[in-house]
Amino acid sequence: MGEGWFMGEKRRMFHELQGNIAQLTARQLQEPLKEIALGTSAFGPLPEWRDWFHYLLGQLIPRSHENENFVSSLLESLVTGFIALYPNGIHNAPYAQFSEDALKTLGQCIMDPRCWNGEEIVVGSFLHRSNDNPAKIWFWWDASGDFSGSMYFCMKYLPVDLVREWFSSVLAIQSPHWRAQVLVWLVGSHELLQGHVQWPSEFAEDAYPKVSWEWSHCLQPELTVADDNSNVPPAPSLVPQSSRELVLEVAREYFTSDVYLSWLESLALAPYLVSELGAIPSTFEALYVEHGDV
């Protein structure tokens, strides 16, 4: 497999992928995954990138939460590469059950039992992984890339008749850390859910909160036109309109004043969540909370 650049005298080739993938580090594996996504975005789909992505996908899903020294997890890069190759939905897949398998594996990586202790996340296993910095902050005011990428992946590829049940299950998880990410993601995603933003390439660099993930900025509408693996019309946006409208509907039905108050009370169990979220819960309340007395 070669890099996504053809303008130099010599094109870099990833010969190491022909060896034992298990011996490569997360950082080494992120490089070819990045090239698949960026190369497809810049030059259109190439069979070599498609073939190598499918080869890597099955081997790297069990390693999806691996990361090194604050480098993002492999999960984020896998989601970006998948969407770059399937921007118009999963068509002309390698085999008949590929779509279902992708949803049950890549789409469920954040539910890996190793990341959970009952209904609470194992802090540091995914989402924001460390506060090992001089200020001792976790950055809970932004959506973690593994969370945000996974949410958009499921919204994009789930059959629309499953979206309500899926998002209701997201809201049913009682972990304070998970709930903090749901609030942040819904605030940061509001423009996309409303249809004012269509693709991650349109996310503002200074967005607050951020809902981008590793190399998501290369996911742009041009991908849908360049896609030569589909005979369907180009997708107008990352997420189908029916799916994003369902997510908004479920959120606004769910968050009554009492439910929202119970979420705030659970966040208070981890005071640093409240401190780092700042005014985001107030913004969330204005956007999503149904007040029965209004």
Protein backbone atom coordinates (compact mmCIF):
# COMPACT_ATOMS: atom_id res chain seq x y z
CA MET A 1 0.00 0.00 0.00
CA GLY A 2 1.23 3.48 -0.87
CA GLU A 3 0.72 6.87 0.71
CA GLY A 4 -1.97 9.28 -0.44
CA TRP A 5 0.43 11.53 -2.30
CA PHE A 6 1.70 11.30 -5.86
CA MET A 7 3.53 14.57 -6.42
CA GLY A 8 7.01 13.69 -5.16
CA GLU A 9 9.80 11.83 -6.91
CA LYS A 10 9.25 8.77 -4.75
CA ARG A 11 6.00 7.58 -3.23
CA ARG A 12 6.20 6.13 0.26
CA MET A 13 5.12 2.49 0.43
CA PHE A 14 4.02 0.83 3.68
CA HIS A 15 6.02 -2.36 3.31
CA GLU A 16 5.64 -3.04 7.03
CA LEU A 17 1.98 -3.95 6.49
CA GLN A 18 3.10 -7.06 4.64
CA GLY A 19 4.63 -8.38 7.85
CA ASN A 20 3.08 -9.25 11.20
CA ILE A 21 0.45 -6.57 11.90
CA ALA A 22 0.35 -7.59 15.56
CA GLN A 23 3.94 -6.38 15.99
CA LEU A 24 3.17 -2.86 14.77
CA THR A 25 2.41 -0.17 17.32
CA ALA A 26 -0.73 1.97 17.32
CA ARG A 27 1.30 4.92 16.04
CA GLN A 28 2.69 2.84 13.16
CA LEU A 29 -0.80 1.70 12.22
CA GLN A 30 -2.33 5.16 12.35
CA GLU A 31 -0.09 6.33 9.52
CA PRO A 32 -1.51 4.01 6.81
CA LEU A 33 -5.05 4.52 8.13
CA LYS A 34 -4.53 8.27 7.84
CA GLU A 35 -3.25 7.90 4.28
CA ILE A 36 -6.30 5.84 3.30
CA ALA A 37 -8.66 8.56 4.52
CA LEU A 38 -6.68 11.57 3.31
CA GLY A 39 -5.75 9.95 0.03
CA THR A 40 -9.34 9.00 -0.76
CA SER A 41 -10.47 12.50 0.16
CA ALA A 42 -7.85 14.17 -2.06
CA PHE A 43 -7.57 11.81 -5.02
CA GLY A 44 -10.69 9.67 -4.92
CA PRO A 45 -10.97 5.97 -4.15
CA LEU A 46 -8.21 3.60 -5.20
CA PRO A 47 -8.51 -0.21 -5.08
CA GLU A 48 -5.29 -0.49 -3.07
CA TRP A 49 -6.63 1.71 -0.28
CA ARG A 50 -9.98 -0.09 -0.25
CA ASP A 51 -8.37 -3.53 -0.18
CA TRP A 52 -5.84 -2.64 2.49
CA PHE A 53 -8.47 -1.00 4.69
CA HIS A 54 -10.61 -4.13 4.65
CA TYR A 55 -7.52 -6.20 5.43
CA LEU A 56 -6.63 -3.98 8.39
CA LEU A 57 -10.18 -3.51 9.69
CA GLY A 58 -10.72 -7.06 10.90
CA GLN A 59 -7.31 -7.20 12.57
CA LEU A 60 -7.51 -3.82 14.28
CA ILE A 61 -11.03 -3.83 15.71
CA PRO A 62 -9.82 -5.89 18.72
CA ARG A 63 -7.11 -3.24 19.17
CA SER A 64 -9.43 -0.29 18.62
CA HIS A 65 -8.74 1.37 21.98
CA GLU A 66 -4.97 1.28 21.66
CA ASN A 67 -3.29 4.69 21.72
CA GLU A 68 0.14 6.06 22.50
CA ASN A 69 1.19 9.16 24.40
CA PHE A 70 -1.96 11.16 23.83
CA VAL A 71 -2.22 10.04 20.21
CA SER A 72 -5.84 9.19 19.44
CA SER A 73 -7.10 5.63 19.51
CA LEU A 74 -7.17 3.39 16.46
CA LEU A 75 -10.96 3.46 16.69
CA GLU A 76 -11.07 7.07 15.51
CA SER A 77 -8.89 6.36 12.48
CA LEU A 78 -10.91 3.26 11.59
CA VAL A 79 -14.16 5.23 11.66
CA THR A 80 -12.69 7.97 9.46
CA GLY A 81 -11.33 5.50 6.94
CA PHE A 82 -14.60 3.59 6.81
CA ILE A 83 -16.67 6.70 6.13
CA ALA A 84 -14.17 7.91 3.50
CA LEU A 85 -14.59 4.64 1.62
CA TYR A 86 -18.36 4.39 2.13
CA PRO A 87 -19.60 8.01 2.00
CA ASN A 88 -22.90 7.11 0.31
CA GLY A 89 -23.76 4.22 2.59
CA ILE A 90 -22.47 0.67 2.45
CA HIS A 91 -22.82 -0.40 -1.17
CA ASN A 92 -20.85 -2.96 -3.18
CA ALA A 93 -19.54 -4.39 0.09
CA PRO A 94 -16.96 -7.21 0.15
CA TYR A 95 -19.62 -9.74 1.18
CA ALA A 96 -23.34 -9.88 1.87
CA GLN A 97 -23.25 -9.44 5.67
CA PHE A 98 -20.55 -6.75 5.72
CA SER A 99 -22.87 -3.91 6.77
CA GLU A 100 -24.30 -5.86 9.67
CA ASP A 101 -20.86 -7.05 10.75
CA ALA A 102 -19.46 -3.51 10.65
CA LEU A 103 -22.24 -2.22 12.91
CA LYS A 104 -21.82 -5.10 15.36
CA THR A 105 -18.05 -4.69 15.58
CA LEU A 106 -16.73 -1.23 14.69
CA GLY A 107 -20.05 0.32 15.70
CA GLN A 108 -19.91 -1.26 19.16
CA CYS A 109 -16.22 -0.86 20.06
CA ILE A 110 -17.03 1.71 22.75
CA MET A 111 -19.10 -0.95 24.51
CA ASP A 112 -16.08 -3.25 24.84
CA PRO A 113 -16.45 -4.96 28.26
CA ARG A 114 -12.86 -4.00 29.07
CA CYS A 115 -13.97 -0.36 29.11
CA TRP A 116 -16.78 -0.82 31.60
CA ASN A 117 -17.26 -1.69 35.25
CA GLY A 118 -20.98 -2.34 35.40
CA GLU A 119 -22.67 0.86 34.22
CA GLU A 120 -19.65 3.06 34.92
CA ILE A 121 -16.82 3.48 32.48
CA VAL A 122 -13.33 2.38 33.46
CA VAL A 123 -11.85 5.87 33.61
CA GLY A 124 -8.80 6.05 31.39
CA SER A 125 -9.76 3.12 29.16
CA PHE A 126 -11.58 5.24 26.60
CA LEU A 127 -13.22 8.64 26.28
CA HIS A 128 -10.76 11.10 27.83
CA ARG A 129 -7.91 8.90 28.98
CA SER A 130 -5.68 10.99 31.18
CA ASN A 131 -5.19 14.24 33.04
CA ASP A 132 -1.41 13.86 32.96
CA ASN A 133 -0.66 17.47 32.13
CA PRO A 134 0.52 20.45 34.20
CA ALA A 135 -3.02 21.78 34.68
CA LYS A 136 -4.41 18.33 35.56
CA ILE A 137 -7.41 18.71 33.25
CA TRP A 138 -9.25 15.96 31.37
CA PHE A 139 -10.82 18.10 28.61
CA TRP A 140 -14.33 16.85 29.38
CA TRP A 141 -15.67 20.02 27.75
CA ASP A 142 -14.99 18.41 24.34
CA ALA A 143 -16.45 15.20 22.99
CA SER A 144 -13.82 12.47 22.99
CA GLY A 145 -13.01 11.40 19.45
CA ASP A 146 -13.82 7.74 20.05
CA PHE A 147 -17.25 8.70 21.39
CA SER A 148 -18.06 11.26 18.69
CA GLY A 149 -16.83 9.13 15.80
CA SER A 150 -18.80 6.14 17.04
CA MET A 151 -21.99 8.16 17.43
CA TYR A 152 -21.78 9.51 13.89
CA PHE A 153 -20.86 6.07 12.54
CA CYS A 154 -24.00 4.53 14.04
CA MET A 155 -26.24 7.40 12.94
CA LYS A 156 -24.90 7.17 9.40
CA TYR A 157 -25.11 3.43 8.85
CA LEU A 158 -27.87 2.15 11.12
CA PRO A 159 -31.15 1.39 9.32
CA VAL A 160 -33.47 4.25 10.18
CA ASP A 161 -35.97 1.94 11.89
CA LEU A 162 -33.29 1.09 14.49
CA VAL A 163 -32.14 4.64 15.25
CA ARG A 164 -34.76 5.39 17.92
CA GLU A 165 -34.02 2.24 19.88
CA TRP A 166 -30.26 2.73 19.52
CA PHE A 167 -30.24 6.34 20.73
CA SER A 168 -32.64 5.52 23.57
CA SER A 169 -30.11 2.92 24.70
CA VAL A 170 -27.37 5.58 24.60
CA LEU A 171 -29.44 7.77 26.94
CA ALA A 172 -30.19 4.86 29.27
CA ILE A 173 -26.56 4.45 30.42
CA GLN A 174 -26.16 5.96 33.89
CA SER A 175 -22.40 6.52 34.05
CA PRO A 176 -21.73 10.19 34.97
CA HIS A 177 -18.76 10.28 32.58
CA TRP A 178 -20.86 8.86 29.76
CA ARG A 179 -23.65 11.31 30.49
CA ALA A 180 -21.18 14.18 30.41
CA GLN A 181 -20.13 13.09 26.92
CA VAL A 182 -23.73 12.78 25.75
CA LEU A 183 -24.47 16.36 26.87
CA VAL A 184 -21.32 17.71 25.23
CA TRP A 185 -21.87 15.77 22.01
CA LEU A 186 -25.50 16.87 21.68
CA VAL A 187 -24.53 20.52 22.16
CA GLY A 188 -21.60 20.32 19.75
CA SER A 189 -23.64 18.35 17.20
CA HIS A 190 -26.70 20.59 17.29
CA GLU A 191 -25.87 22.40 14.06
CA LEU A 192 -25.38 19.11 12.20
CA LEU A 193 -28.49 17.55 13.72
CA GLN A 194 -30.44 20.61 12.59
CA GLY A 195 -29.03 20.30 9.08
CA HIS A 196 -27.10 23.58 9.15
CA VAL A 197 -23.79 21.69 8.94
CA GLN A 198 -23.57 18.77 6.54
CA TRP A 199 -20.09 17.22 6.84
CA PRO A 200 -17.27 17.14 9.44
CA SER A 201 -15.12 19.21 7.06
CA GLU A 202 -17.44 22.10 8.02
CA PHE A 203 -16.79 21.84 11.77
CA ALA A 204 -15.25 25.07 13.00
CA GLU A 205 -11.68 24.74 14.23
CA ASP A 206 -12.52 26.81 17.31
CA ALA A 207 -15.82 25.03 18.00
CA TYR A 208 -16.91 24.80 21.62
CA PRO A 209 -17.55 22.08 22.37
CA LYS A 210 -15.66 20.14 19.73
CA VAL A 211 -17.16 16.97 18.25
CA SER A 212 -14.46 16.22 15.69
CA TRP A 213 -12.24 13.14 15.78
CA GLU A 214 -9.00 11.96 14.20
CA TRP A 215 -8.79 13.28 10.61
CA SER A 216 -12.56 13.81 10.47
CA HIS A 217 -11.92 17.12 8.69
CA CYS A 218 -11.15 15.15 5.52
CA LEU A 219 -14.74 13.85 5.41
CA GLN A 220 -16.26 16.23 2.90
CA PRO A 221 -19.07 16.23 0.32
CA GLU A 222 -16.63 15.66 -2.55
CA LEU A 223 -16.21 12.09 -1.33
CA THR A 224 -19.78 11.27 -2.34
CA VAL A 225 -19.23 12.39 -5.93
CA ALA A 226 -15.91 10.56 -6.28
CA ASP A 227 -17.33 7.30 -4.89
CA ASP A 228 -17.18 4.79 -7.73
CA ASN A 229 -18.49 1.90 -5.65
CA SER A 230 -22.08 3.08 -5.61
CA ASN A 231 -24.83 3.58 -8.14
CA VAL A 232 -26.96 5.53 -5.67
CA PRO A 233 -27.24 9.35 -5.68
CA PRO A 234 -24.54 11.19 -3.68
CA ALA A 235 -25.46 11.58 -0.03
CA PRO A 236 -26.31 15.22 0.75
CA SER A 237 -24.84 14.98 4.25
CA LEU A 238 -22.87 12.74 6.58
CA VAL A 239 -26.02 11.61 8.39
CA PRO A 240 -29.34 10.85 6.67
CA GLN A 241 -31.96 13.48 7.44
CA SER A 242 -34.41 10.95 8.85
CA SER A 243 -31.80 9.64 11.30
CA ARG A 244 -30.63 13.01 12.57
CA GLU A 245 -34.24 14.17 13.01
CA LEU A 246 -34.99 11.04 15.04
CA VAL A 247 -32.04 11.70 17.33
CA LEU A 248 -33.29 15.24 17.95
CA GLU A 249 -36.81 13.98 18.56
CA VAL A 250 -35.73 11.29 21.03
CA ALA A 251 -33.49 13.74 22.92
CA ARG A 252 -36.22 16.33 23.31
CA GLU A 253 -38.80 13.74 24.35
CA TYR A 254 -36.44 12.26 26.92
CA PHE A 255 -35.09 15.36 28.65
CA THR A 256 -37.86 16.64 30.86
CA SER A 257 -36.87 19.01 33.65
CA ASP A 258 -36.83 16.16 36.17
CA VAL A 259 -34.69 13.91 33.98
CA TYR A 260 -32.24 16.72 33.28
CA LEU A 261 -31.98 17.47 37.01
CA SER A 262 -31.20 13.80 37.71
CA TRP A 263 -28.40 13.95 35.12
CA LEU A 264 -26.93 17.03 36.78
CA GLU A 265 -27.04 15.26 40.13
CA SER A 266 -25.16 12.29 38.71
CA LEU A 267 -22.49 14.56 37.18
CA ALA A 268 -21.92 16.03 40.64
CA LEU A 269 -20.62 12.62 41.74
CA ALA A 270 -17.44 13.51 39.84
CA PRO A 271 -16.81 17.18 40.71
CA TYR A 272 -14.15 17.64 38.02
CA LEU A 273 -16.86 16.90 35.42
CA VAL A 274 -18.93 19.81 36.67
CA SER A 275 -15.89 22.06 36.79
CA GLU A 276 -14.70 21.25 33.27
CA LEU A 277 -18.14 21.32 31.65
CA GLY A 278 -18.61 24.93 32.70
CA ALA A 279 -21.60 26.51 30.94
CA ILE A 280 -22.21 23.59 28.56
CA PRO A 281 -25.07 22.12 30.67
CA SER A 282 -26.85 25.49 30.58
CA THR A 283 -26.51 25.57 26.79
CA PHE A 284 -27.80 22.01 26.64
CA GLU A 285 -30.82 22.94 28.75
CA ALA A 286 -31.73 25.78 26.39
CA LEU A 287 -31.45 23.52 23.34
CA TYR A 288 -33.00 20.27 24.51
CA VAL A 289 -34.82 20.33 27.83
CA GLU A 290 -38.62 20.26 27.81
CA HIS A 291 -39.99 22.33 30.70
CA GLY A 292 -43.42 21.09 31.69
CA ASP A 293 -44.47 24.41 33.20
CA VAL A 294 -43.69 26.48 30.09
